[in-house]
Amino acid sequence: MADLIARLREDGIQKRVIQEGRGELPEFQDGTKATFHFRTLHSDPEDNVKAYFKRGKAHAAVWNAQEAQADFAKVLELDPALAPVVSRELRALEARIRQKDEEDKARFRGIFSH
């Protein structure tokens, strides 16, 4: 971990460790920070349901839909009782994707017509 932090402090890199793996996962728009924050949380990758859930939320927050779905699937595999929570997160992700697609359509409509 110390070597990772040292690499983050190299010249030209504008990143820092957020909360050092404690507390709630912040809402980031930049996937690098969210992924790094997850890696500080994720100490036992084999059966840490909470870590997979938080990483799924982090991927969803930065538009990594396939990765988020894979992590949520792992959560369901490890703890099927969380199906309602995972379903809610997946529905929210799908809704955000649909909304972004609509915004992109509106933004880029007529961009190539002269």
PDB file of N, CA and C in Angstrom:
ATOM      1  N   MET A   1       0.826  -1.191   0.000  1.00  0.00           N
ATOM      2  CA  MET A   1       0.000   0.000   0.000  1.00  0.00           C
ATOM      3  C   MET A   1       0.871   1.257   0.000  1.00  0.00           C
ATOM      4  N   ALA A   2       1.953   1.216   0.758  1.00  0.00           N
ATOM      5  CA  ALA A   2       2.827   2.386   0.837  1.00  0.00           C
ATOM      6  C   ALA A   2       3.414   2.732  -0.526  1.00  0.00           C
ATOM      7  N   ASP A   3       3.752   1.701  -1.318  1.00  0.00           N
ATOM      8  CA  ASP A   3       4.303   1.981  -2.644  1.00  0.00           C
ATOM      9  C   ASP A   3       3.259   2.593  -3.562  1.00  0.00           C
ATOM     10  N   LEU A   4       1.989   2.198  -3.397  1.00  0.00           N
ATOM     11  CA  LEU A   4       0.918   2.810  -4.193  1.00  0.00           C
ATOM     12  C   LEU A   4       0.754   4.280  -3.826  1.00  0.00           C
ATOM     13  N   ILE A   5       0.785   4.569  -2.536  1.00  0.00           N
ATOM     14  CA  ILE A   5       0.658   5.956  -2.096  1.00  0.00           C
ATOM     15  C   ILE A   5       1.848   6.768  -2.598  1.00  0.00           C
ATOM     16  N   ALA A   6       3.045   6.179  -2.553  1.00  0.00           N
ATOM     17  CA  ALA A   6       4.229   6.881  -3.057  1.00  0.00           C
ATOM     18  C   ALA A   6       4.087   7.189  -4.537  1.00  0.00           C
ATOM     19  N   ARG A   7       3.555   6.247  -5.319  1.00  0.00           N
ATOM     20  CA  ARG A   7       3.363   6.501  -6.751  1.00  0.00           C
ATOM     21  C   ARG A   7       2.341   7.596  -6.985  1.00  0.00           C
ATOM     22  N   LEU A   8       1.330   7.681  -6.120  1.00  0.00           N
ATOM     23  CA  LEU A   8       0.333   8.740  -6.272  1.00  0.00           C
ATOM     24  C   LEU A   8       0.933  10.116  -6.005  1.00  0.00           C
ATOM     25  N   ARG A   9       1.984  10.164  -5.228  1.00  0.00           N
ATOM     26  CA  ARG A   9       2.596  11.443  -4.874  1.00  0.00           C
ATOM     27  C   ARG A   9       3.675  11.879  -5.848  1.00  0.00           C
ATOM     28  N   GLU A  10       3.904  11.147  -6.907  1.00  0.00           N
ATOM     29  CA  GLU A  10       4.900  11.532  -7.900  1.00  0.00           C
ATOM     30  C   GLU A  10       4.490  12.830  -8.578  1.00  0.00           C
ATOM     31  N   ASP A  11       5.476  13.526  -9.106  1.00  0.00           N
ATOM     32  CA  ASP A  11       5.212  14.787  -9.797  1.00  0.00           C
ATOM     33  C   ASP A  11       4.244  14.570 -10.948  1.00  0.00           C
ATOM     34  N   GLY A  12       3.316  15.486 -11.091  1.00  0.00           N
ATOM     35  CA  GLY A  12       2.382  15.443 -12.206  1.00  0.00           C
ATOM     36  C   GLY A  12       1.132  14.635 -11.934  1.00  0.00           C
ATOM     37  N   ILE A  13       1.066  13.964 -10.807  1.00  0.00           N
ATOM     38  CA  ILE A  13      -0.127  13.178 -10.480  1.00  0.00           C
ATOM     39  C   ILE A  13      -0.894  13.929  -9.402  1.00  0.00           C
ATOM     40  N   GLN A  14      -2.125  14.264  -9.698  1.00  0.00           N
ATOM     41  CA  GLN A  14      -2.941  15.065  -8.795  1.00  0.00           C
ATOM     42  C   GLN A  14      -3.995  14.199  -8.112  1.00  0.00           C
ATOM     43  N   LYS A  15      -3.576  13.173  -7.390  1.00  0.00           N
ATOM     44  CA  LYS A  15      -4.517  12.293  -6.700  1.00  0.00           C
ATOM     45  C   LYS A  15      -4.099  12.187  -5.247  1.00  0.00           C
ATOM     46  N   ARG A  16      -5.043  11.789  -4.419  1.00  0.00           N
ATOM     47  CA  ARG A  16      -4.730  11.563  -3.016  1.00  0.00           C
ATOM     48  C   ARG A  16      -5.632  10.459  -2.481  1.00  0.00           C
ATOM     49  N   VAL A  17      -5.246   9.870  -1.383  1.00  0.00           N
ATOM     50  CA  VAL A  17      -6.049   8.824  -0.753  1.00  0.00           C
ATOM     51  C   VAL A  17      -7.194   9.509  -0.022  1.00  0.00           C
ATOM     52  N   ILE A  18      -8.398   9.037  -0.269  1.00  0.00           N
ATOM     53  CA  ILE A  18      -9.587   9.597   0.365  1.00  0.00           C
ATOM     54  C   ILE A  18     -10.038   8.641   1.467  1.00  0.00           C
ATOM     55  N   GLN A  19     -10.109   9.086   2.678  1.00  0.00           N
ATOM     56  CA  GLN A  19     -10.627   8.356   3.830  1.00  0.00           C
ATOM     57  C   GLN A  19      -9.868   7.068   4.143  1.00  0.00           C
ATOM     58  N   GLU A  20      -8.862   6.717   3.416  1.00  0.00           N
ATOM     59  CA  GLU A  20      -8.036   5.545   3.658  1.00  0.00           C
ATOM     60  C   GLU A  20      -8.855   4.292   3.940  1.00  0.00           C
ATOM     61  N   GLY A  21      -9.936   4.111   3.212  1.00  0.00           N
ATOM     62  CA  GLY A  21     -10.712   2.881   3.314  1.00  0.00           C
ATOM     63  C   GLY A  21     -11.724   2.859   4.433  1.00  0.00           C
ATOM     64  N   ARG A  22     -11.963   3.968   5.067  1.00  0.00           N
ATOM     65  CA  ARG A  22     -12.934   4.007   6.157  1.00  0.00           C
ATOM     66  C   ARG A  22     -14.151   4.800   5.722  1.00  0.00           C
ATOM     67  N   GLY A  23     -15.291   4.445   6.250  1.00  0.00           N
ATOM     68  CA  GLY A  23     -16.499   5.213   6.031  1.00  0.00           C
ATOM     69  C   GLY A  23     -17.177   4.908   4.711  1.00  0.00           C
ATOM     70  N   GLU A  24     -18.154   5.719   4.390  1.00  0.00           N
ATOM     71  CA  GLU A  24     -18.939   5.545   3.175  1.00  0.00           C
ATOM     72  C   GLU A  24     -18.119   5.905   1.949  1.00  0.00           C
ATOM     73  N   LEU A  25     -18.419   5.261   0.847  1.00  0.00           N
ATOM     74  CA  LEU A  25     -17.743   5.556  -0.408  1.00  0.00           C
ATOM     75  C   LEU A  25     -18.260   6.882  -0.958  1.00  0.00           C
ATOM     76  N   PRO A  26     -17.387   7.858  -1.178  1.00  0.00           N
ATOM     77  CA  PRO A  26     -17.833   9.148  -1.710  1.00  0.00           C
ATOM     78  C   PRO A  26     -18.350   9.011  -3.140  1.00  0.00           C
ATOM     79  N   GLU A  27     -19.181   9.925  -3.545  1.00  0.00           N
ATOM     80  CA  GLU A  27     -19.696   9.964  -4.910  1.00  0.00           C
ATOM     81  C   GLU A  27     -18.696  10.727  -5.770  1.00  0.00           C
ATOM     82  N   PHE A  28     -17.980  10.029  -6.649  1.00  0.00           N
ATOM     83  CA  PHE A  28     -17.004  10.655  -7.525  1.00  0.00           C
ATOM     84  C   PHE A  28     -17.487  10.606  -8.960  1.00  0.00           C
ATOM     85  N   GLN A  29     -17.085  11.569  -9.752  1.00  0.00           N
ATOM     86  CA  GLN A  29     -17.312  11.529 -11.189  1.00  0.00           C
ATOM     87  C   GLN A  29     -16.091  10.960 -11.895  1.00  0.00           C
ATOM     88  N   ASP A  30     -14.974  10.903 -11.203  1.00  0.00           N
ATOM     89  CA  ASP A  30     -13.728  10.410 -11.775  1.00  0.00           C
ATOM     90  C   ASP A  30     -13.509   8.971 -11.327  1.00  0.00           C
ATOM     91  N   GLY A  31     -13.543   8.043 -12.242  1.00  0.00           N
ATOM     92  CA  GLY A  31     -13.472   6.627 -11.912  1.00  0.00           C
ATOM     93  C   GLY A  31     -12.182   6.199 -11.256  1.00  0.00           C
ATOM     94  N   THR A  32     -11.094   6.873 -11.564  1.00  0.00           N
ATOM     95  CA  THR A  32      -9.812   6.492 -10.985  1.00  0.00           C
ATOM     96  C   THR A  32      -9.849   6.620  -9.473  1.00  0.00           C
ATOM     97  N   LYS A  33     -10.353   7.713  -8.987  1.00  0.00           N
ATOM     98  CA  LYS A  33     -10.408   7.913  -7.543  1.00  0.00           C
ATOM     99  C   LYS A  33     -11.341   6.899  -6.897  1.00  0.00           C
ATOM    100  N   ALA A  34     -12.495   6.679  -7.506  1.00  0.00           N
ATOM    101  CA  ALA A  34     -13.449   5.732  -6.932  1.00  0.00           C
ATOM    102  C   ALA A  34     -12.879   4.327  -6.931  1.00  0.00           C
ATOM    103  N   THR A  35     -12.200   3.932  -7.982  1.00  0.00           N
ATOM    104  CA  THR A  35     -11.615   2.600  -8.046  1.00  0.00           C
ATOM    105  C   THR A  35     -10.489   2.471  -7.036  1.00  0.00           C
ATOM    106  N   PHE A  36      -9.638   3.478  -6.914  1.00  0.00           N
ATOM    107  CA  PHE A  36      -8.558   3.418  -5.930  1.00  0.00           C
ATOM    108  C   PHE A  36      -9.136   3.344  -4.525  1.00  0.00           C
ATOM    109  N   HIS A  37     -10.169   4.145  -4.260  1.00  0.00           N
ATOM    110  CA  HIS A  37     -10.791   4.119  -2.941  1.00  0.00           C
ATOM    111  C   HIS A  37     -11.331   2.727  -2.661  1.00  0.00           C
ATOM    112  N   PHE A  38     -11.929   2.105  -3.652  1.00  0.00           N
ATOM    113  CA  PHE A  38     -12.425   0.749  -3.453  1.00  0.00           C
ATOM    114  C   PHE A  38     -11.275  -0.184  -3.106  1.00  0.00           C
ATOM    115  N   ARG A  39     -10.177  -0.066  -3.791  1.00  0.00           N
ATOM    116  CA  ARG A  39      -9.061  -0.983  -3.548  1.00  0.00           C
ATOM    117  C   ARG A  39      -8.535  -0.846  -2.125  1.00  0.00           C
ATOM    118  N   THR A  40      -8.668   0.327  -1.515  1.00  0.00           N
ATOM    119  CA  THR A  40      -8.253   0.443  -0.118  1.00  0.00           C
ATOM    120  C   THR A  40      -9.242  -0.253   0.800  1.00  0.00           C
ATOM    121  N   LEU A  41     -10.492  -0.377   0.394  1.00  0.00           N
ATOM    122  CA  LEU A  41     -11.508  -1.055   1.196  1.00  0.00           C
ATOM    123  C   LEU A  41     -11.447  -2.567   1.056  1.00  0.00           C
ATOM    124  N   HIS A  42     -11.064  -3.021  -0.077  1.00  0.00           N
ATOM    125  CA  HIS A  42     -11.236  -4.420  -0.466  1.00  0.00           C
ATOM    126  C   HIS A  42     -10.037  -5.250  -0.036  1.00  0.00           C
ATOM    127  N   SER A  43     -10.028  -5.696   1.233  1.00  0.00           N
ATOM    128  CA  SER A  43      -8.873  -6.436   1.726  1.00  0.00           C
ATOM    129  C   SER A  43      -8.983  -7.931   1.487  1.00  0.00           C
ATOM    130  N   ASP A  44     -10.193  -8.499   1.487  1.00  0.00           N
ATOM    131  CA  ASP A  44     -10.378  -9.935   1.275  1.00  0.00           C
ATOM    132  C   ASP A  44     -11.333 -10.127   0.107  1.00  0.00           C
ATOM    133  N   PRO A  45     -10.817 -10.250  -1.110  1.00  0.00           N
ATOM    134  CA  PRO A  45     -11.675 -10.255  -2.289  1.00  0.00           C
ATOM    135  C   PRO A  45     -12.545 -11.495  -2.448  1.00  0.00           C
ATOM    136  N   GLU A  46     -12.258 -12.569  -1.732  1.00  0.00           N
ATOM    137  CA  GLU A  46     -12.971 -13.818  -1.979  1.00  0.00           C
ATOM    138  C   GLU A  46     -14.436 -13.765  -1.575  1.00  0.00           C
ATOM    139  N   ASP A  47     -14.745 -13.258  -0.400  1.00  0.00           N
ATOM    140  CA  ASP A  47     -16.136 -13.318   0.039  1.00  0.00           C
ATOM    141  C   ASP A  47     -16.576 -12.070   0.799  1.00  0.00           C
ATOM    142  N   ASN A  48     -16.075 -10.934   0.427  1.00  0.00           N
ATOM    143  CA  ASN A  48     -16.427  -9.694   1.082  1.00  0.00           C
ATOM    144  C   ASN A  48     -17.598  -9.055   0.333  1.00  0.00           C
ATOM    145  N   VAL A  49     -18.806  -9.388   0.767  1.00  0.00           N
ATOM    146  CA  VAL A  49     -20.019  -8.926   0.092  1.00  0.00           C
ATOM    147  C   VAL A  49     -20.089  -7.406   0.084  1.00  0.00           C
ATOM    148  N   LYS A  50     -19.785  -6.799   1.216  1.00  0.00           N
ATOM    149  CA  LYS A  50     -19.859  -5.342   1.316  1.00  0.00           C
ATOM    150  C   LYS A  50     -18.904  -4.679   0.324  1.00  0.00           C
ATOM    151  N   ALA A  51     -17.711  -5.235   0.192  1.00  0.00           N
ATOM    152  CA  ALA A  51     -16.733  -4.655  -0.732  1.00  0.00           C
ATOM    153  C   ALA A  51     -17.207  -4.765  -2.176  1.00  0.00           C
ATOM    154  N   TYR A  52     -17.756  -5.922  -2.558  1.00  0.00           N
ATOM    155  CA  TYR A  52     -18.271  -6.064  -3.920  1.00  0.00           C
ATOM    156  C   TYR A  52     -19.425  -5.100  -4.162  1.00  0.00           C
ATOM    157  N   PHE A  53     -20.293  -4.928  -3.160  1.00  0.00           N
ATOM    158  CA  PHE A  53     -21.418  -4.010  -3.313  1.00  0.00           C
ATOM    159  C   PHE A  53     -20.915  -2.580  -3.495  1.00  0.00           C
ATOM    160  N   LYS A  54     -19.968  -2.168  -2.659  1.00  0.00           N
ATOM    161  CA  LYS A  54     -19.446  -0.800  -2.770  1.00  0.00           C
ATOM    162  C   LYS A  54     -18.703  -0.596  -4.085  1.00  0.00           C
ATOM    163  N   ARG A  55     -17.959  -1.611  -4.532  1.00  0.00           N
ATOM    164  CA  ARG A  55     -17.266  -1.467  -5.812  1.00  0.00           C
ATOM    165  C   ARG A  55     -18.285  -1.393  -6.945  1.00  0.00           C
ATOM    166  N   GLY A  56     -19.362  -2.168  -6.852  1.00  0.00           N
ATOM    167  CA  GLY A  56     -20.419  -2.086  -7.855  1.00  0.00           C
ATOM    168  C   GLY A  56     -21.012  -0.690  -7.913  1.00  0.00           C
ATOM    169  N   LYS A  57     -21.260  -0.101  -6.746  1.00  0.00           N
ATOM    170  CA  LYS A  57     -21.783   1.267  -6.710  1.00  0.00           C
ATOM    171  C   LYS A  57     -20.774   2.254  -7.291  1.00  0.00           C
ATOM    172  N   ALA A  58     -19.496   2.055  -7.007  1.00  0.00           N
ATOM    173  CA  ALA A  58     -18.460   2.948  -7.548  1.00  0.00           C
ATOM    174  C   ALA A  58     -18.400   2.839  -9.064  1.00  0.00           C
ATOM    175  N   HIS A  59     -18.448   1.621  -9.585  1.00  0.00           N
ATOM    176  CA  HIS A  59     -18.449   1.449 -11.040  1.00  0.00           C
ATOM    177  C   HIS A  59     -19.697   2.088 -11.653  1.00  0.00           C
ATOM    178  N   ALA A  60     -20.840   1.916 -11.009  1.00  0.00           N
ATOM    179  CA  ALA A  60     -22.074   2.509 -11.529  1.00  0.00           C
ATOM    180  C   ALA A  60     -21.977   4.031 -11.550  1.00  0.00           C
ATOM    181  N   ALA A  61     -21.328   4.597 -10.542  1.00  0.00           N
ATOM    182  CA  ALA A  61     -21.216   6.057 -10.453  1.00  0.00           C
ATOM    183  C   ALA A  61     -20.379   6.644 -11.572  1.00  0.00           C
ATOM    184  N   VAL A  62     -19.481   5.853 -12.141  1.00  0.00           N
ATOM    185  CA  VAL A  62     -18.608   6.367 -13.199  1.00  0.00           C
ATOM    186  C   VAL A  62     -18.889   5.693 -14.539  1.00  0.00           C
ATOM    187  N   TRP A  63     -20.096   5.189 -14.703  1.00  0.00           N
ATOM    188  CA  TRP A  63     -20.601   4.668 -15.971  1.00  0.00           C
ATOM    189  C   TRP A  63     -19.923   3.380 -16.432  1.00  0.00           C
ATOM    190  N   ASN A  64     -19.367   2.601 -15.541  1.00  0.00           N
ATOM    191  CA  ASN A  64     -18.816   1.291 -15.889  1.00  0.00           C
ATOM    192  C   ASN A  64     -19.906   0.247 -15.653  1.00  0.00           C
ATOM    193  N   ALA A  65     -20.876   0.209 -16.538  1.00  0.00           N
ATOM    194  CA  ALA A  65     -22.063  -0.617 -16.326  1.00  0.00           C
ATOM    195  C   ALA A  65     -21.738  -2.104 -16.268  1.00  0.00           C
ATOM    196  N   GLN A  66     -20.906  -2.592 -17.153  1.00  0.00           N
ATOM    197  CA  GLN A  66     -20.600  -4.027 -17.157  1.00  0.00           C
ATOM    198  C   GLN A  66     -19.887  -4.446 -15.879  1.00  0.00           C
ATOM    199  N   GLU A  67     -18.945  -3.647 -15.430  1.00  0.00           N
ATOM    200  CA  GLU A  67     -18.230  -3.970 -14.203  1.00  0.00           C
ATOM    201  C   GLU A  67     -19.174  -3.925 -13.007  1.00  0.00           C
ATOM    202  N   ALA A  68     -20.066  -2.919 -12.979  1.00  0.00           N
ATOM    203  CA  ALA A  68     -21.035  -2.815 -11.890  1.00  0.00           C
ATOM    204  C   ALA A  68     -21.945  -4.034 -11.865  1.00  0.00           C
ATOM    205  N   GLN A  69     -22.439  -4.431 -13.030  1.00  0.00           N
ATOM    206  CA  GLN A  69     -23.313  -5.598 -13.088  1.00  0.00           C
ATOM    207  C   GLN A  69     -22.590  -6.859 -12.638  1.00  0.00           C
ATOM    208  N   ALA A  70     -21.322  -7.002 -12.996  1.00  0.00           N
ATOM    209  CA  ALA A  70     -20.548  -8.178 -12.570  1.00  0.00           C
ATOM    210  C   ALA A  70     -20.378  -8.199 -11.051  1.00  0.00           C
ATOM    211  N   ASP A  71     -20.095  -7.042 -10.465  1.00  0.00           N
ATOM    212  CA  ASP A  71     -19.941  -6.993  -9.009  1.00  0.00           C
ATOM    213  C   ASP A  71     -21.262  -7.262  -8.301  1.00  0.00           C
ATOM    214  N   PHE A  72     -22.352  -6.709  -8.818  1.00  0.00           N
ATOM    215  CA  PHE A  72     -23.653  -6.972  -8.205  1.00  0.00           C
ATOM    216  C   PHE A  72     -24.040  -8.445  -8.352  1.00  0.00           C
ATOM    217  N   ALA A  73     -23.664  -9.067  -9.456  1.00  0.00           N
ATOM    218  CA  ALA A  73     -23.916 -10.504  -9.624  1.00  0.00           C
ATOM    219  C   ALA A  73     -23.132 -11.298  -8.583  1.00  0.00           C
ATOM    220  N   LYS A  74     -21.911 -10.879  -8.291  1.00  0.00           N
ATOM    221  CA  LYS A  74     -21.104 -11.555  -7.267  1.00  0.00           C
ATOM    222  C   LYS A  74     -21.739 -11.387  -5.893  1.00  0.00           C
ATOM    223  N   VAL A  75     -22.305 -10.212  -5.622  1.00  0.00           N
ATOM    224  CA  VAL A  75     -23.006  -9.981  -4.355  1.00  0.00           C
ATOM    225  C   VAL A  75     -24.156 -10.967  -4.218  1.00  0.00           C
ATOM    226  N   LEU A  76     -24.938 -11.124  -5.292  1.00  0.00           N
ATOM    227  CA  LEU A  76     -26.062 -12.062  -5.249  1.00  0.00           C
ATOM    228  C   LEU A  76     -25.590 -13.500  -5.067  1.00  0.00           C
ATOM    229  N   GLU A  77     -24.475 -13.833  -5.681  1.00  0.00           N
ATOM    230  CA  GLU A  77     -23.924 -15.182  -5.536  1.00  0.00           C
ATOM    231  C   GLU A  77     -23.515 -15.446  -4.086  1.00  0.00           C
ATOM    232  N   LEU A  78     -22.901 -14.447  -3.449  1.00  0.00           N
ATOM    233  CA  LEU A  78     -22.422 -14.611  -2.077  1.00  0.00           C
ATOM    234  C   LEU A  78     -23.534 -14.494  -1.043  1.00  0.00           C
ATOM    235  N   ASP A  79     -24.539 -13.644  -1.303  1.00  0.00           N
ATOM    236  CA  ASP A  79     -25.628 -13.437  -0.342  1.00  0.00           C
ATOM    237  C   ASP A  79     -26.936 -13.169  -1.081  1.00  0.00           C
ATOM    238  N   PRO A  80     -27.671 -14.226  -1.446  1.00  0.00           N
ATOM    239  CA  PRO A  80     -28.923 -14.067  -2.194  1.00  0.00           C
ATOM    240  C   PRO A  80     -29.987 -13.246  -1.463  1.00  0.00           C
ATOM    241  N   ALA A  81     -29.868 -13.101  -0.154  1.00  0.00           N
ATOM    242  CA  ALA A  81     -30.841 -12.316   0.604  1.00  0.00           C
ATOM    243  C   ALA A  81     -30.788 -10.834   0.235  1.00  0.00           C
ATOM    244  N   LEU A  82     -29.722 -10.406  -0.401  1.00  0.00           N
ATOM    245  CA  LEU A  82     -29.584  -8.998  -0.797  1.00  0.00           C
ATOM    246  C   LEU A  82     -30.201  -8.702  -2.164  1.00  0.00           C
ATOM    247  N   ALA A  83     -30.949  -9.639  -2.708  1.00  0.00           N
ATOM    248  CA  ALA A  83     -31.540  -9.460  -4.040  1.00  0.00           C
ATOM    249  C   ALA A  83     -32.357  -8.174  -4.168  1.00  0.00           C
ATOM    250  N   PRO A  84     -33.205  -7.811  -3.191  1.00  0.00           N
ATOM    251  CA  PRO A  84     -33.963  -6.558  -3.355  1.00  0.00           C
ATOM    252  C   PRO A  84     -33.071  -5.319  -3.449  1.00  0.00           C
ATOM    253  N   VAL A  85     -32.018  -5.276  -2.655  1.00  0.00           N
ATOM    254  CA  VAL A  85     -31.113  -4.122  -2.665  1.00  0.00           C
ATOM    255  C   VAL A  85     -30.348  -4.062  -3.983  1.00  0.00           C
ATOM    256  N   VAL A  86     -29.860  -5.212  -4.428  1.00  0.00           N
ATOM    257  CA  VAL A  86     -29.110  -5.265  -5.685  1.00  0.00           C
ATOM    258  C   VAL A  86     -30.015  -4.911  -6.856  1.00  0.00           C
ATOM    259  N   SER A  87     -31.243  -5.410  -6.837  1.00  0.00           N
ATOM    260  CA  SER A  87     -32.192  -5.085  -7.909  1.00  0.00           C
ATOM    261  C   SER A  87     -32.448  -3.587  -7.972  1.00  0.00           C
ATOM    262  N   ARG A  88     -32.582  -2.958  -6.806  1.00  0.00           N
ATOM    263  CA  ARG A  88     -32.807  -1.507  -6.770  1.00  0.00           C
ATOM    264  C   ARG A  88     -31.616  -0.769  -7.377  1.00  0.00           C
ATOM    265  N   GLU A  89     -30.398  -1.190  -7.044  1.00  0.00           N
ATOM    266  CA  GLU A  89     -29.204  -0.545  -7.596  1.00  0.00           C
ATOM    267  C   GLU A  89     -29.118  -0.738  -9.109  1.00  0.00           C
ATOM    268  N   LEU A  90     -29.436  -1.941  -9.579  1.00  0.00           N
ATOM    269  CA  LEU A  90     -29.393  -2.201 -11.023  1.00  0.00           C
ATOM    270  C   LEU A  90     -30.450  -1.389 -11.763  1.00  0.00           C
ATOM    271  N   ARG A  91     -31.642  -1.266 -11.178  1.00  0.00           N
ATOM    272  CA  ARG A  91     -32.685  -0.434 -11.802  1.00  0.00           C
ATOM    273  C   ARG A  91     -32.250   1.028 -11.854  1.00  0.00           C
ATOM    274  N   ALA A  92     -31.630   1.504 -10.780  1.00  0.00           N
ATOM    275  CA  ALA A  92     -31.148   2.889 -10.756  1.00  0.00           C
ATOM    276  C   ALA A  92     -30.071   3.102 -11.817  1.00  0.00           C
ATOM    277  N   LEU A  93     -29.186   2.128 -11.974  1.00  0.00           N
ATOM    278  CA  LEU A  93     -28.145   2.221 -13.000  1.00  0.00           C
ATOM    279  C   LEU A  93     -28.764   2.268 -14.389  1.00  0.00           C
ATOM    280  N   GLU A  94     -29.704   1.383 -14.655  1.00  0.00           N
ATOM    281  CA  GLU A  94     -30.365   1.368 -15.963  1.00  0.00           C
ATOM    282  C   GLU A  94     -31.091   2.685 -16.227  1.00  0.00           C
ATOM    283  N   ALA A  95     -31.727   3.241 -15.201  1.00  0.00           N
ATOM    284  CA  ALA A  95     -32.426   4.522 -15.363  1.00  0.00           C
ATOM    285  C   ALA A  95     -31.436   5.642 -15.674  1.00  0.00           C
ATOM    286  N   ARG A  96     -30.286   5.652 -14.992  1.00  0.00           N
ATOM    287  CA  ARG A  96     -29.266   6.670 -15.266  1.00  0.00           C
ATOM    288  C   ARG A  96     -28.730   6.535 -16.682  1.00  0.00           C
ATOM    289  N   ILE A  97     -28.536   5.298 -17.130  1.00  0.00           N
ATOM    290  CA  ILE A  97     -28.032   5.074 -18.488  1.00  0.00           C
ATOM    291  C   ILE A  97     -29.047   5.561 -19.513  1.00  0.00           C
ATOM    292  N   ARG A  98     -30.333   5.235 -19.302  1.00  0.00           N
ATOM    293  CA  ARG A  98     -31.376   5.709 -20.227  1.00  0.00           C
ATOM    294  C   ARG A  98     -31.435   7.231 -20.246  1.00  0.00           C
ATOM    295  N   GLN A  99     -31.361   7.855 -19.065  1.00  0.00           N
ATOM    296  CA  GLN A  99     -31.409   9.314 -18.994  1.00  0.00           C
ATOM    297  C   GLN A  99     -30.209   9.930 -19.715  1.00  0.00           C
ATOM    298  N   LYS A 100     -29.036   9.376 -19.511  1.00  0.00           N
ATOM    299  CA  LYS A 100     -27.839   9.897 -20.186  1.00  0.00           C
ATOM    300  C   LYS A 100     -27.943   9.710 -21.694  1.00  0.00           C
ATOM    301  N   ASP A 101     -28.471   8.571 -22.140  1.00  0.00           N
ATOM    302  CA  ASP A 101     -28.659   8.350 -23.574  1.00  0.00           C
ATOM    303  C   ASP A 101     -29.593   9.397 -24.169  1.00  0.00           C
ATOM    304  N   GLU A 102     -30.672   9.705 -23.463  1.00  0.00           N
ATOM    305  CA  GLU A 102     -31.610  10.728 -23.940  1.00  0.00           C
ATOM    306  C   GLU A 102     -30.936  12.103 -23.990  1.00  0.00           C
ATOM    307  N   GLU A 103     -30.171  12.423 -22.959  1.00  0.00           N
ATOM    308  CA  GLU A 103     -29.458  13.703 -22.952  1.00  0.00           C
ATOM    309  C   GLU A 103     -28.455  13.776 -24.099  1.00  0.00           C
ATOM    310  N   ASP A 104     -27.748  12.681 -24.348  1.00  0.00           N
ATOM    311  CA  ASP A 104     -26.783  12.652 -25.450  1.00  0.00           C
ATOM    312  C   ASP A 104     -27.479  12.798 -26.796  1.00  0.00           C
ATOM    313  N   LYS A 105     -28.629  12.147 -26.955  1.00  0.00           N
ATOM    314  CA  LYS A 105     -29.390  12.280 -28.204  1.00  0.00           C
ATOM    315  C   LYS A 105     -29.782  13.729 -28.435  1.00  0.00           C
ATOM    316  N   ALA A 106     -30.284  14.368 -27.379  1.00  0.00           N
ATOM    317  CA  ALA A 106     -30.702  15.762 -27.506  1.00  0.00           C
ATOM    318  C   ALA A 106     -29.503  16.671 -27.791  1.00  0.00           C
ATOM    319  N   ARG A 107     -28.396  16.405 -27.146  1.00  0.00           N
ATOM    320  CA  ARG A 107     -27.202  17.237 -27.301  1.00  0.00           C
ATOM    321  C   ARG A 107     -26.613  17.117 -28.698  1.00  0.00           C
ATOM    322  N   PHE A 108     -26.610  15.908 -29.244  1.00  0.00           N
ATOM    323  CA  PHE A 108     -25.934  15.677 -30.521  1.00  0.00           C
ATOM    324  C   PHE A 108     -26.878  15.607 -31.719  1.00  0.00           C
ATOM    325  N   ARG A 109     -28.152  15.877 -31.492  1.00  0.00           N
ATOM    326  CA  ARG A 109     -29.110  15.876 -32.589  1.00  0.00           C
ATOM    327  C   ARG A 109     -28.722  16.942 -33.605  1.00  0.00           C
ATOM    328  N   GLY A 110     -28.618  16.560 -34.828  1.00  0.00           N
ATOM    329  CA  GLY A 110     -28.316  17.490 -35.901  1.00  0.00           C
ATOM    330  C   GLY A 110     -26.870  17.936 -35.967  1.00  0.00           C
ATOM    331  N   ILE A 111     -25.993  17.268 -35.278  1.00  0.00           N
ATOM    332  CA  ILE A 111     -24.595  17.704 -35.257  1.00  0.00           C
ATOM    333  C   ILE A 111     -23.928  17.567 -36.625  1.00  0.00           C
ATOM    334  N   PHE A 112     -24.365  16.593 -37.416  1.00  0.00           N
ATOM    335  CA  PHE A 112     -23.739  16.385 -38.719  1.00  0.00           C
ATOM    336  C   PHE A 112     -24.572  16.913 -39.884  1.00  0.00           C
ATOM    337  N   SER A 113     -25.706  17.518 -39.600  1.00  0.00           N
ATOM    338  CA  SER A 113     -26.517  18.064 -40.693  1.00  0.00           C
ATOM    339  C   SER A 113     -26.130  19.523 -40.936  1.00  0.00           C
ATOM    340  N   HIS A 114     -26.113  19.870 -42.200  1.00  0.00           N
ATOM    341  CA  HIS A 114     -25.730  21.241 -42.559  1.00  0.00           C
ATOM    342  C   HIS A 114     -26.839  21.897 -43.306  1.00  0.00           C
TER     343      HIS A 114
END
